[in-house]
N, C-alpha and C. Protein backbone atom coordinates (compact mmCIF):
# COMPACT_ATOMS: atom_id res chain seq x y z
N MET A 1 57.69 -115.45 70.76
CA MET A 1 57.92 -115.95 72.28
C MET A 1 56.56 -114.40 72.60
N GLN A 2 55.75 -114.95 73.63
CA GLN A 2 54.75 -114.07 73.96
C GLN A 2 54.87 -112.79 75.29
N PRO A 3 54.56 -112.12 74.88
CA PRO A 3 54.58 -110.67 76.12
C PRO A 3 54.01 -110.77 77.25
N SER A 4 54.72 -109.99 78.28
CA SER A 4 54.34 -110.78 79.71
C SER A 4 52.93 -110.19 79.71
N PRO A 5 51.71 -110.79 80.35
CA PRO A 5 50.38 -109.87 80.01
C PRO A 5 49.98 -109.25 80.90
N THR A 6 50.77 -108.61 82.27
CA THR A 6 50.61 -107.59 82.82
C THR A 6 51.26 -106.76 82.85
N LYS A 7 52.62 -106.49 82.42
CA LYS A 7 53.20 -105.12 81.98
C LYS A 7 52.26 -104.40 80.98
N SER A 8 52.88 -102.85 81.25
CA SER A 8 52.50 -101.85 79.85
C SER A 8 53.15 -100.93 80.55
N THR A 9 53.28 -99.88 79.41
CA THR A 9 53.61 -98.63 79.61
C THR A 9 53.70 -97.37 80.79
N GLU A 10 52.51 -97.76 81.39
CA GLU A 10 52.14 -97.27 82.56
C GLU A 10 52.33 -97.75 84.03
N GLY A 11 53.60 -98.82 83.61
CA GLY A 11 53.40 -99.64 84.91
C GLY A 11 52.48 -100.92 85.57
N ASP A 12 52.70 -101.56 86.30
CA ASP A 12 51.45 -102.75 86.83
C ASP A 12 50.88 -102.10 87.48
N LEU A 13 49.97 -102.24 87.28
CA LEU A 13 48.69 -101.80 88.16
C LEU A 13 47.97 -103.19 88.88
N THR A 14 47.36 -103.64 89.69
CA THR A 14 46.62 -104.24 90.02
C THR A 14 45.49 -104.08 89.69
N ASP A 15 44.42 -105.23 89.84
CA ASP A 15 43.06 -104.81 89.44
C ASP A 15 42.18 -103.79 90.20
N ARG A 16 42.67 -104.08 91.29
CA ARG A 16 41.94 -102.94 92.01
C ARG A 16 42.54 -101.42 91.89
N GLU A 17 43.72 -101.17 91.56
CA GLU A 17 43.93 -99.94 91.46
C GLU A 17 43.26 -99.39 89.87
N LEU A 18 43.22 -100.43 88.70
CA LEU A 18 42.94 -100.15 87.67
C LEU A 18 41.25 -100.06 87.56
N LEU A 19 40.29 -100.39 87.95
CA LEU A 19 39.02 -100.23 88.67
C LEU A 19 38.86 -99.09 89.35
N LYS A 20 39.80 -98.25 90.10
CA LYS A 20 39.85 -97.16 90.92
C LYS A 20 40.16 -96.12 89.67
N LEU A 21 41.11 -96.46 88.75
CA LEU A 21 41.27 -95.42 87.71
C LEU A 21 40.41 -95.05 87.02
N TYR A 22 39.70 -96.63 86.63
CA TYR A 22 38.46 -96.32 85.51
C TYR A 22 37.22 -95.15 86.35
N LEU A 23 37.02 -95.83 87.54
CA LEU A 23 35.79 -94.89 88.15
C LEU A 23 36.01 -93.56 88.53
N GLY A 24 37.36 -93.61 88.76
CA GLY A 24 37.78 -92.02 88.91
C GLY A 24 38.10 -91.13 87.93
N ALA A 25 38.00 -91.38 86.70
CA ALA A 25 38.64 -90.62 85.64
C ALA A 25 37.18 -89.83 85.28
N THR A 26 37.52 -88.68 84.38
CA THR A 26 36.34 -88.02 83.87
C THR A 26 35.90 -89.00 82.82
N ASP A 27 34.83 -88.61 82.35
CA ASP A 27 34.50 -89.13 81.10
C ASP A 27 35.55 -89.21 79.56
N GLN A 28 35.95 -87.76 79.66
CA GLN A 28 36.90 -87.43 78.81
C GLN A 28 38.51 -88.32 79.06
N GLU A 29 38.93 -88.06 80.26
CA GLU A 29 40.18 -89.34 80.60
C GLU A 29 39.44 -90.56 80.40
N ARG A 30 38.39 -91.10 80.80
CA ARG A 30 37.79 -92.53 80.60
C ARG A 30 38.35 -93.01 78.80
N THR A 31 37.86 -91.82 77.97
CA THR A 31 37.73 -92.43 76.87
C THR A 31 39.43 -92.56 76.27
N LYS A 32 40.29 -91.90 76.66
CA LYS A 32 40.99 -91.94 76.57
C LYS A 32 41.96 -93.02 76.84
N LEU A 33 41.58 -93.47 78.08
CA LEU A 33 42.34 -94.89 78.87
C LEU A 33 41.52 -95.87 78.72
N PHE A 34 40.34 -95.89 78.17
CA PHE A 34 39.81 -97.16 78.38
C PHE A 34 38.93 -97.41 76.82
N ALA A 35 38.58 -98.72 76.58
CA ALA A 35 37.45 -98.41 75.24
C ALA A 35 36.99 -100.14 75.44
N ASP A 36 35.51 -100.29 75.24
CA ASP A 36 34.99 -101.35 75.20
C ASP A 36 35.60 -102.48 73.95
N THR A 37 35.23 -103.91 73.84
CA THR A 37 35.83 -104.55 72.87
C THR A 37 35.66 -103.88 71.87
N GLY A 38 34.52 -103.89 71.31
CA GLY A 38 34.13 -102.79 69.89
C GLY A 38 34.99 -101.85 69.29
N ARG A 39 35.17 -101.06 70.14
CA ARG A 39 36.21 -99.76 70.09
C ARG A 39 37.31 -100.20 69.65
N ALA A 40 37.94 -101.23 70.73
CA ALA A 40 39.51 -101.71 70.90
C ALA A 40 39.58 -102.61 69.46
N ALA A 41 38.40 -102.90 69.00
CA ALA A 41 38.61 -103.88 67.82
C ALA A 41 38.74 -102.97 66.58
N ASP A 42 37.79 -101.69 66.78
CA ASP A 42 37.92 -100.98 65.27
C ASP A 42 39.11 -99.97 65.61
N LEU A 43 39.59 -99.51 66.63
CA LEU A 43 40.80 -98.96 66.71
C LEU A 43 42.02 -100.04 66.07
N THR A 44 42.08 -101.03 66.58
CA THR A 44 43.25 -101.82 65.86
C THR A 44 42.97 -102.76 64.82
N GLY A 45 41.71 -102.47 64.33
CA GLY A 45 41.22 -103.70 62.83
C GLY A 45 41.71 -104.62 63.29
N LEU A 46 41.24 -105.31 64.37
CA LEU A 46 41.25 -106.67 64.69
C LEU A 46 39.76 -106.60 64.90
N SER A 47 39.26 -108.24 65.23
CA SER A 47 38.19 -108.62 65.13
C SER A 47 37.72 -108.23 67.01
N ARG A 48 36.55 -108.03 67.32
CA ARG A 48 36.25 -108.29 68.61
C ARG A 48 36.35 -109.27 69.35
N ARG A 49 36.40 -110.16 68.53
CA ARG A 49 36.26 -111.65 69.32
C ARG A 49 37.89 -111.82 69.95
N THR A 50 38.78 -111.39 68.62
CA THR A 50 40.44 -111.21 69.08
C THR A 50 40.80 -110.73 70.59
N ILE A 51 40.22 -109.57 70.58
CA ILE A 51 40.18 -108.69 71.68
C ILE A 51 39.65 -109.48 72.77
N GLN A 52 38.51 -109.77 72.88
CA GLN A 52 37.64 -110.76 73.96
C GLN A 52 38.97 -111.92 74.13
N PHE A 53 39.36 -112.60 73.28
CA PHE A 53 40.68 -113.69 73.67
C PHE A 53 41.53 -112.94 74.26
N TRP A 54 42.13 -112.00 73.76
CA TRP A 54 43.47 -111.89 74.78
C TRP A 54 43.08 -110.71 76.09
N VAL A 55 41.79 -110.67 75.99
CA VAL A 55 41.56 -110.35 78.36
C VAL A 55 41.40 -111.98 78.51
N GLU A 56 40.74 -112.29 78.12
CA GLU A 56 40.24 -113.77 78.67
C GLU A 56 41.28 -114.60 78.85
N THR A 57 42.75 -114.59 78.31
CA THR A 57 43.83 -115.34 78.50
C THR A 57 44.68 -114.21 79.06
N GLY A 58 44.56 -113.26 79.51
CA GLY A 58 45.21 -112.41 79.94
C GLY A 58 46.61 -111.57 79.46
N ALA A 59 46.76 -112.03 78.12
CA ALA A 59 47.40 -111.19 77.15
C ALA A 59 47.09 -109.36 77.31
N ILE A 60 45.97 -108.97 77.69
CA ILE A 60 45.91 -107.33 77.76
C ILE A 60 45.21 -106.81 79.09
N ARG A 61 45.04 -105.92 79.70
CA ARG A 61 44.32 -105.94 80.97
C ARG A 61 43.27 -105.09 80.41
N ALA A 62 41.93 -105.55 81.32
CA ALA A 62 40.72 -105.23 81.27
C ALA A 62 40.07 -105.07 82.69
N ILE A 63 38.81 -104.56 82.37
CA ILE A 63 38.10 -104.58 84.03
C ILE A 63 36.62 -104.89 83.10
N ALA A 64 35.98 -106.11 83.99
CA ALA A 64 34.68 -106.17 83.55
C ALA A 64 33.84 -105.02 84.49
N ILE A 65 32.55 -104.54 83.33
CA ILE A 65 31.93 -103.78 83.84
C ILE A 65 30.65 -104.18 83.34
N GLY A 66 30.23 -104.93 84.19
CA GLY A 66 28.74 -105.33 84.41
C GLY A 66 29.00 -106.63 83.18
N ARG A 67 28.41 -106.73 81.92
CA ARG A 67 29.00 -107.92 81.02
C ARG A 67 29.29 -107.42 79.82
N ARG A 68 30.34 -106.29 80.05
CA ARG A 68 31.07 -105.94 79.04
C ARG A 68 32.70 -105.64 79.47
N TYR A 69 34.03 -105.73 78.68
CA TYR A 69 35.10 -105.72 78.88
C TYR A 69 35.40 -103.76 78.43
N GLU A 70 36.39 -103.31 79.78
CA GLU A 70 36.63 -102.13 79.55
C GLU A 70 38.24 -102.25 79.48
N ILE A 71 39.03 -102.01 78.08
CA ILE A 71 40.32 -102.63 77.77
C ILE A 71 40.85 -101.28 78.07
N TYR A 72 42.24 -101.48 78.77
CA TYR A 72 43.31 -100.39 79.57
C TYR A 72 44.04 -100.31 77.92
N LEU A 73 44.02 -99.01 77.48
CA LEU A 73 44.05 -98.85 75.90
C LEU A 73 45.96 -98.60 76.40
N PRO A 74 46.46 -97.98 77.49
CA PRO A 74 47.86 -98.04 77.14
C PRO A 74 48.75 -99.48 77.07
N ASN A 75 47.92 -100.86 77.99
CA ASN A 75 48.48 -101.93 77.71
C ASN A 75 48.04 -102.56 76.53
N LEU A 76 46.99 -102.43 75.78
CA LEU A 76 46.88 -102.73 74.55
C LEU A 76 48.02 -102.38 73.35
N THR A 77 48.30 -101.04 73.61
CA THR A 77 49.04 -100.67 72.79
C THR A 77 50.39 -101.19 72.97
N TRP A 78 50.98 -101.29 74.60
CA TRP A 78 52.15 -101.75 74.22
C TRP A 78 52.26 -103.40 74.25
N TYR A 79 51.07 -103.84 74.25
CA TYR A 79 50.80 -105.24 73.88
C TYR A 79 51.54 -105.28 72.44
N LEU A 80 50.60 -104.87 71.65
CA LEU A 80 50.72 -104.91 70.28
C LEU A 80 52.09 -104.38 69.63
N GLU A 81 52.36 -103.54 70.35
CA GLU A 81 53.92 -103.28 70.24
C GLU A 81 55.04 -104.27 70.26
N THR A 82 54.94 -104.68 71.41
CA THR A 82 55.99 -105.84 72.21
C THR A 82 55.71 -107.26 70.77
N ARG A 83 54.33 -107.06 70.42
CA ARG A 83 54.03 -108.57 69.20
C ARG A 83 55.04 -108.23 68.16
N MET A 84 54.58 -106.82 67.57
CA MET A 84 55.70 -106.26 66.48
C MET A 84 56.78 -106.89 66.60
N GLU A 85 57.47 -106.05 67.83
CA GLU A 85 58.96 -106.09 67.84
C GLU A 85 59.45 -107.48 68.15
N ALA A 86 58.58 -108.61 68.54
CA ALA A 86 59.17 -110.01 68.54
C ALA A 86 59.16 -110.46 67.39
N LYS A 87 57.81 -109.93 66.46
CA LYS A 87 57.95 -110.63 65.03
C LYS A 87 59.05 -110.10 64.27
N SER A 88 59.67 -108.90 64.38
CA SER A 88 60.91 -108.27 63.43
C SER A 88 61.98 -109.10 63.92
N ARG A 89 62.25 -109.51 65.21
CA ARG A 89 63.55 -110.01 65.73
C ARG A 89 63.13 -111.42 64.86
N SER A 90 62.13 -112.01 64.43
CA SER A 90 62.15 -113.48 64.32
C SER A 90 62.74 -113.73 62.50
């Protein structure tokens, strides 16, 4: 069972609200809340392509800034936790 792609521990944010959060954050806040695909891959030990795939399929939330994605870290954490829970139940 795949987790819902838009839920997170931070609640449901629209794409517009997520962009507003990103643009309104200080550099320090932005570093805590968002990561590009490379940093998200490093933090999780996964490949950059896996992170990109999850963004492209809607499994995790991200915003496109230019030609790169900024992954919403609370949602990535939630997604990984729900995948672990689903595996432990099987």
